[in-house]
């Protein structure tokens, strides 16, 4: 078993999906419950900047996943080579 920290990739993926849905739903609900015509230009710009920052953070998260996957593949390749050498 390789779940030494108790998390599976599927669990992390589900958390990410659920959190994204929660943020989207909360944003839509909040906008529906407010008076958008009262928002200033700066308020609209601030919301768009927050989304831009979230996109950048999502890109960073994807890069972290890529690095972890690459590391796992490298470890797997190294371990595979060890077993082949052992049994030769």
Protein backbone atom coordinates (compact mmCIF):
# COMPACT_ATOMS: atom_id res chain seq x y z
CA UNK A 1 0.00 0.00 0.00
CA UNK A 2 1.42 3.36 -1.03
CA UNK A 3 -1.02 5.52 0.99
CA UNK A 4 1.44 6.42 3.73
CA UNK A 5 -0.29 9.78 4.27
CA UNK A 6 -3.81 8.48 3.78
CA UNK A 7 -4.62 10.45 0.62
CA UNK A 8 -5.35 8.97 -2.77
CA UNK A 9 -5.11 10.90 -6.01
CA UNK A 10 -8.84 10.39 -6.42
CA UNK A 11 -9.45 12.04 -3.04
CA UNK A 12 -7.37 15.07 -3.96
CA UNK A 13 -9.13 15.35 -7.32
CA UNK A 14 -12.54 15.17 -5.65
CA UNK A 15 -11.52 17.86 -3.15
CA UNK A 16 -10.34 20.15 -5.95
CA UNK A 17 -13.52 19.63 -7.93
CA UNK A 18 -15.76 20.15 -4.90
CA UNK A 19 -13.94 23.30 -3.82
CA UNK A 20 -14.17 24.72 -7.33
CA UNK A 21 -17.91 24.02 -7.43
CA UNK A 22 -18.33 25.58 -4.00
CA UNK A 23 -16.51 28.76 -5.03
CA UNK A 24 -18.51 29.03 -8.26
CA UNK A 25 -21.84 28.43 -6.53
CA UNK A 26 -21.05 30.87 -3.70
CA UNK A 27 -20.03 33.54 -6.20
CA UNK A 28 -23.19 33.13 -8.27
CA UNK A 29 -25.39 33.08 -5.15
CA UNK A 30 -23.71 36.15 -3.68
CA UNK A 31 -24.04 38.10 -6.92
CA UNK A 32 -27.72 37.13 -7.11
CA UNK A 33 -28.28 38.34 -3.53
CA UNK A 34 -26.60 41.73 -4.02
CA UNK A 35 -27.39 44.86 -5.96
CA UNK A 36 -24.77 44.74 -8.71
CA UNK A 37 -25.68 48.21 -9.94
CA UNK A 38 -24.27 49.50 -6.65
CA UNK A 39 -20.83 48.09 -7.43
CA UNK A 40 -18.23 50.54 -8.57
CA UNK A 41 -15.90 49.99 -11.49
CA UNK A 42 -13.17 49.17 -8.96
CA UNK A 43 -15.35 46.49 -7.35
CA UNK A 44 -15.86 44.73 -10.70
CA UNK A 45 -12.15 45.06 -11.42
CA UNK A 46 -11.28 43.62 -8.00
CA UNK A 47 -13.41 40.54 -8.64
CA UNK A 48 -11.77 40.03 -12.02
CA UNK A 49 -8.32 40.43 -10.46
CA UNK A 50 -9.22 37.83 -7.84
CA UNK A 51 -10.19 35.40 -10.59
CA UNK A 52 -6.94 36.17 -12.44
CA UNK A 53 -4.99 35.40 -9.25
CA UNK A 54 -6.96 32.15 -8.82
CA UNK A 55 -6.07 31.13 -12.39
CA UNK A 56 -2.41 31.77 -11.68
CA UNK A 57 -2.66 29.70 -8.50
CA UNK A 58 -4.39 26.90 -10.43
CA UNK A 59 -1.51 26.96 -12.94
CA UNK A 60 0.93 26.65 -10.02
CA UNK A 61 -1.07 23.72 -8.64
CA UNK A 62 -1.03 22.01 -12.02
CA UNK A 63 2.74 22.50 -12.23
CA UNK A 64 3.09 20.94 -8.76
CA UNK A 65 1.02 17.95 -9.90
CA UNK A 66 3.20 17.64 -13.01
CA UNK A 67 6.36 17.68 -10.87
CA UNK A 68 4.94 15.04 -8.50
CA UNK A 69 3.89 12.86 -11.42
CA UNK A 70 7.32 13.18 -13.03
CA UNK A 71 8.96 12.25 -9.74
CA UNK A 72 6.67 9.23 -9.36
CA UNK A 73 7.46 8.12 -12.90
CA UNK A 74 11.20 8.51 -12.29
CA UNK A 75 10.98 6.50 -9.08
CA UNK A 76 8.93 3.85 -10.86
CA UNK A 77 11.43 3.65 -13.71
CA UNK A 78 14.32 3.41 -11.24
CA UNK A 79 12.57 0.69 -9.24
CA UNK A 80 11.73 -1.19 -12.42
CA UNK A 81 15.37 -1.12 -13.42
CA UNK A 82 16.40 -2.40 -9.99
CA UNK A 83 14.12 -5.40 -10.23
CA UNK A 84 15.25 -6.22 -13.75
CA UNK A 85 18.86 -6.04 -12.65
CA UNK A 86 18.15 -8.17 -9.58
CA UNK A 87 16.50 -10.93 -11.62
CA UNK A 88 19.01 -10.94 -14.50
